[in-house]
Structures are given as C-alpha cells and as structure tokens.
N, C-alpha and C. Protein backbone atom coordinates (compact mmCIF):
# COMPACT_ATOMS: atom_id res chain seq x y z
N MET A 1 -144.68 -77.93 56.57
CA MET A 1 -144.41 -78.35 57.91
C MET A 1 -143.01 -78.97 57.92
N THR A 2 -142.24 -78.61 58.93
CA THR A 2 -140.91 -79.17 59.12
C THR A 2 -140.86 -79.81 60.49
N VAL A 3 -140.33 -81.02 60.59
CA VAL A 3 -140.19 -81.72 61.86
C VAL A 3 -138.71 -81.87 62.16
N TYR A 4 -138.30 -81.34 63.31
CA TYR A 4 -136.92 -81.45 63.78
C TYR A 4 -136.84 -82.45 64.92
N LYS A 5 -135.73 -83.13 65.05
CA LYS A 5 -135.48 -83.95 66.24
C LYS A 5 -134.95 -83.01 67.31
N GLY A 6 -135.53 -83.09 68.50
CA GLY A 6 -135.12 -82.20 69.58
C GLY A 6 -134.80 -83.00 70.83
N ALA A 7 -134.25 -82.31 71.82
CA ALA A 7 -133.92 -82.94 73.10
C ALA A 7 -134.09 -81.91 74.20
N SER A 8 -134.45 -82.39 75.36
CA SER A 8 -134.53 -81.52 76.53
C SER A 8 -133.82 -82.22 77.66
N GLY A 9 -133.38 -81.47 78.62
CA GLY A 9 -132.71 -82.07 79.76
C GLY A 9 -131.91 -81.04 80.53
N TYR A 10 -131.20 -81.53 81.51
CA TYR A 10 -130.36 -80.65 82.31
C TYR A 10 -129.18 -81.43 82.84
N GLY A 11 -128.03 -80.78 82.91
CA GLY A 11 -126.83 -81.41 83.43
C GLY A 11 -126.31 -82.53 82.55
N SER A 12 -125.05 -82.86 82.71
CA SER A 12 -124.45 -83.93 81.90
C SER A 12 -124.95 -85.31 82.32
N ARG A 13 -125.42 -85.46 83.55
CA ARG A 13 -125.91 -86.76 84.02
C ARG A 13 -127.38 -86.70 84.42
N GLY A 14 -128.02 -85.57 84.19
CA GLY A 14 -129.42 -85.40 84.59
C GLY A 14 -130.39 -86.03 83.63
N LYS A 15 -131.65 -85.75 83.84
CA LYS A 15 -132.73 -86.27 83.01
C LYS A 15 -132.60 -85.74 81.58
N SER A 16 -132.88 -86.60 80.61
CA SER A 16 -132.81 -86.23 79.20
C SER A 16 -133.95 -86.90 78.45
N ASP A 17 -134.63 -86.14 77.60
CA ASP A 17 -135.73 -86.68 76.80
C ASP A 17 -135.57 -86.25 75.35
N SER A 18 -135.98 -87.12 74.43
CA SER A 18 -136.01 -86.73 73.02
C SER A 18 -137.44 -86.39 72.64
N MET A 19 -137.61 -85.55 71.63
CA MET A 19 -138.93 -85.12 71.20
C MET A 19 -138.87 -84.62 69.76
N ASN A 20 -140.03 -84.42 69.18
CA ASN A 20 -140.12 -83.80 67.86
C ASN A 20 -140.49 -82.34 68.03
N ILE A 21 -139.88 -81.48 67.22
CA ILE A 21 -140.21 -80.06 67.19
C ILE A 21 -140.82 -79.79 65.82
N ILE A 22 -142.02 -79.24 65.82
CA ILE A 22 -142.73 -78.97 64.56
C ILE A 22 -142.72 -77.48 64.30
N GLN A 23 -142.30 -77.10 63.10
CA GLN A 23 -142.34 -75.71 62.68
C GLN A 23 -143.29 -75.64 61.49
N THR A 24 -144.28 -74.76 61.58
CA THR A 24 -145.25 -74.66 60.51
C THR A 24 -145.77 -73.25 60.39
N VAL A 25 -146.33 -72.92 59.26
CA VAL A 25 -146.97 -71.63 59.02
C VAL A 25 -148.45 -71.90 58.78
N ILE A 26 -149.30 -71.14 59.46
CA ILE A 26 -150.75 -71.38 59.41
C ILE A 26 -151.47 -70.08 59.10
N ASN A 27 -152.48 -70.15 58.24
CA ASN A 27 -153.34 -69.00 57.99
C ASN A 27 -154.07 -68.61 59.27
N ARG A 28 -154.39 -67.32 59.40
CA ARG A 28 -155.14 -66.87 60.58
C ARG A 28 -156.45 -67.61 60.74
N ILE A 29 -157.06 -67.97 59.64
CA ILE A 29 -158.34 -68.68 59.66
C ILE A 29 -158.20 -70.04 60.33
N ASP A 30 -157.05 -70.68 60.19
CA ASP A 30 -156.84 -72.04 60.69
C ASP A 30 -156.17 -72.11 62.07
N ILE A 31 -155.91 -70.97 62.70
CA ILE A 31 -155.20 -70.99 63.99
C ILE A 31 -155.97 -71.77 65.04
N ASN A 32 -157.25 -71.50 65.22
CA ASN A 32 -158.03 -72.20 66.25
C ASN A 32 -158.11 -73.70 66.00
N LYS A 33 -158.29 -74.10 64.73
CA LYS A 33 -158.32 -75.53 64.40
C LYS A 33 -156.99 -76.19 64.76
N THR A 34 -155.90 -75.50 64.45
CA THR A 34 -154.57 -76.04 64.71
C THR A 34 -154.31 -76.15 66.22
N LEU A 35 -154.70 -75.13 66.97
CA LEU A 35 -154.50 -75.18 68.42
C LEU A 35 -155.30 -76.32 69.05
N LYS A 36 -156.52 -76.56 68.56
CA LYS A 36 -157.32 -77.69 69.06
C LYS A 36 -156.65 -79.02 68.73
N LEU A 37 -156.09 -79.13 67.53
CA LEU A 37 -155.39 -80.35 67.12
C LEU A 37 -154.16 -80.59 68.01
N ILE A 38 -153.41 -79.54 68.27
CA ILE A 38 -152.22 -79.67 69.13
C ILE A 38 -152.65 -80.08 70.54
N GLU A 39 -153.68 -79.46 71.07
CA GLU A 39 -154.19 -79.79 72.40
C GLU A 39 -154.59 -81.26 72.50
N LYS A 40 -155.18 -81.77 71.43
CA LYS A 40 -155.60 -83.18 71.38
C LYS A 40 -154.38 -84.12 71.43
N ILE A 41 -153.32 -83.74 70.74
CA ILE A 41 -152.12 -84.57 70.66
C ILE A 41 -151.25 -84.42 71.90
N ASP A 42 -151.03 -83.18 72.34
CA ASP A 42 -150.14 -82.92 73.49
C ASP A 42 -150.62 -81.68 74.23
N SER A 43 -151.31 -81.89 75.34
CA SER A 43 -151.87 -80.77 76.10
C SER A 43 -150.80 -79.93 76.78
N THR A 44 -149.57 -80.40 76.84
CA THR A 44 -148.48 -79.63 77.47
C THR A 44 -147.53 -79.03 76.44
N ALA A 45 -147.93 -79.00 75.18
CA ALA A 45 -147.06 -78.51 74.10
C ALA A 45 -146.68 -77.05 74.33
N PHE A 46 -145.46 -76.70 73.99
CA PHE A 46 -144.96 -75.33 74.02
C PHE A 46 -145.16 -74.75 72.64
N ILE A 47 -145.88 -73.63 72.55
CA ILE A 47 -146.24 -73.04 71.26
C ILE A 47 -145.74 -71.61 71.19
N ILE A 48 -145.10 -71.27 70.10
CA ILE A 48 -144.68 -69.89 69.82
C ILE A 48 -145.48 -69.44 68.60
N GLU A 49 -146.11 -68.28 68.71
CA GLU A 49 -146.93 -67.75 67.62
C GLU A 49 -146.46 -66.35 67.28
N PHE A 50 -146.25 -66.09 65.98
CA PHE A 50 -145.90 -64.74 65.57
C PHE A 50 -146.37 -64.50 64.15
N ASP A 51 -146.48 -63.21 63.78
CA ASP A 51 -146.95 -62.83 62.45
C ASP A 51 -145.85 -63.00 61.40
N VAL A 52 -146.26 -63.43 60.21
CA VAL A 52 -145.34 -63.63 59.09
C VAL A 52 -145.86 -62.82 57.91
N ASN A 53 -144.97 -62.13 57.22
CA ASN A 53 -145.39 -61.31 56.07
C ASN A 53 -145.44 -62.09 54.77
N LYS A 54 -144.45 -62.93 54.51
CA LYS A 54 -144.39 -63.68 53.25
C LYS A 54 -144.10 -65.14 53.52
N VAL A 55 -144.72 -65.99 52.71
CA VAL A 55 -144.50 -67.43 52.81
C VAL A 55 -144.43 -67.99 51.40
N ARG A 56 -143.51 -68.92 51.17
CA ARG A 56 -143.42 -69.65 49.90
C ARG A 56 -143.43 -71.12 50.21
N GLY A 57 -144.05 -71.91 49.36
CA GLY A 57 -144.03 -73.35 49.55
C GLY A 57 -145.42 -73.95 49.53
N GLY A 58 -145.50 -75.23 49.88
CA GLY A 58 -146.73 -75.99 49.80
C GLY A 58 -147.69 -75.74 50.94
N VAL A 59 -148.88 -76.26 50.77
CA VAL A 59 -149.94 -76.13 51.76
C VAL A 59 -150.37 -77.52 52.18
N LEU A 60 -150.48 -77.77 53.49
CA LEU A 60 -150.89 -79.07 54.02
C LEU A 60 -152.22 -78.93 54.76
N LYS A 61 -153.31 -78.70 54.05
CA LYS A 61 -154.61 -78.52 54.67
C LYS A 61 -155.23 -79.85 55.10
N ARG A 62 -154.71 -80.96 54.64
CA ARG A 62 -155.34 -82.25 54.90
C ARG A 62 -155.45 -82.58 56.39
N TYR A 63 -154.57 -82.03 57.22
CA TYR A 63 -154.61 -82.31 58.66
C TYR A 63 -155.72 -81.53 59.37
N LEU A 64 -156.18 -80.44 58.77
CA LEU A 64 -157.16 -79.57 59.42
C LEU A 64 -158.59 -79.84 58.98
N ASN A 65 -158.79 -80.60 57.92
CA ASN A 65 -160.13 -80.86 57.42
C ASN A 65 -160.84 -81.91 58.26
N LYS A 66 -162.09 -81.63 58.62
CA LYS A 66 -162.89 -82.60 59.38
C LYS A 66 -163.08 -83.86 58.56
N GLY A 67 -163.02 -84.99 59.23
CA GLY A 67 -163.22 -86.26 58.55
C GLY A 67 -162.02 -86.73 57.77
N SER A 68 -160.90 -86.04 57.91
CA SER A 68 -159.70 -86.43 57.19
C SER A 68 -159.20 -87.77 57.71
N SER A 69 -158.78 -88.62 56.80
CA SER A 69 -158.25 -89.92 57.21
C SER A 69 -156.76 -89.83 57.54
N THR A 70 -156.17 -88.65 57.30
CA THR A 70 -154.75 -88.46 57.58
C THR A 70 -154.56 -88.20 59.07
N ASN A 71 -153.65 -88.91 59.68
CA ASN A 71 -153.42 -88.81 61.12
C ASN A 71 -152.08 -88.13 61.37
N LEU A 72 -152.11 -86.88 61.82
CA LEU A 72 -150.88 -86.11 62.05
C LEU A 72 -149.99 -86.79 63.07
N HIS A 73 -150.56 -87.27 64.15
CA HIS A 73 -149.76 -87.90 65.21
C HIS A 73 -149.01 -89.11 64.67
N ALA A 74 -149.68 -89.96 63.91
CA ALA A 74 -149.03 -91.14 63.33
C ALA A 74 -147.95 -90.73 62.33
N ASP A 75 -148.21 -89.70 61.54
CA ASP A 75 -147.23 -89.24 60.56
C ASP A 75 -145.95 -88.75 61.25
N ILE A 76 -146.09 -88.04 62.36
CA ILE A 76 -144.93 -87.53 63.08
C ILE A 76 -144.13 -88.68 63.67
N ILE A 77 -144.81 -89.66 64.25
CA ILE A 77 -144.12 -90.82 64.82
C ILE A 77 -143.37 -91.58 63.74
N MET A 78 -143.98 -91.77 62.57
CA MET A 78 -143.34 -92.50 61.49
C MET A 78 -142.07 -91.75 61.04
N LYS A 79 -142.12 -90.42 60.93
CA LYS A 79 -140.95 -89.66 60.52
C LYS A 79 -139.84 -89.78 61.56
N ARG A 80 -140.23 -89.82 62.82
CA ARG A 80 -139.24 -89.90 63.90
C ARG A 80 -138.50 -91.23 63.87
N GLU A 81 -139.22 -92.29 63.55
CA GLU A 81 -138.62 -93.62 63.54
C GLU A 81 -137.71 -93.82 62.34
N ASN A 82 -137.93 -93.09 61.28
CA ASN A 82 -137.12 -93.25 60.04
C ASN A 82 -135.82 -92.52 60.12
C-alpha cells in the first residue's frame, strides 16, 4: 500500500482541500472485503479498479482480517501527520 498526499480544488482563489490518496493491489478474493472497508471509512471515495498481471512486494492482509486490532483509518491519519 502506498499513501500519497493529494489536493483537490479549483481556481487560484477557490476552494482547496487536502487528502490522502491510497494506491494498493488486492487479490480478486479480497475485493469485496476491501470495498466494504473503504465504504466504512469514506462513503464518497473515488475508486479506480483494473486488472494487473504481475505484482512484486509485500502483502498487508492484516487490514482485511476480521477481528484485526489494526486500524487502517488511524494508520492513514498517523502517516499524514508525519
């Protein structure tokens, strides 16, 4: 999972907001769990989904397991503040 600092807005003097952008790769088996988790955190989230052929790197299943003590929302906020 990668978290980017993002911004939205319009015009040089218009409304401007900061936000976190999360980029992640998810197994097909975990798509529904992940979408439910996102809905719980932000029901207005913008989601892009596409197929990937190859992936290298670590696996973060701890956020998708029931009863997990790891809180994705808190982790994202902590990264944003640092």
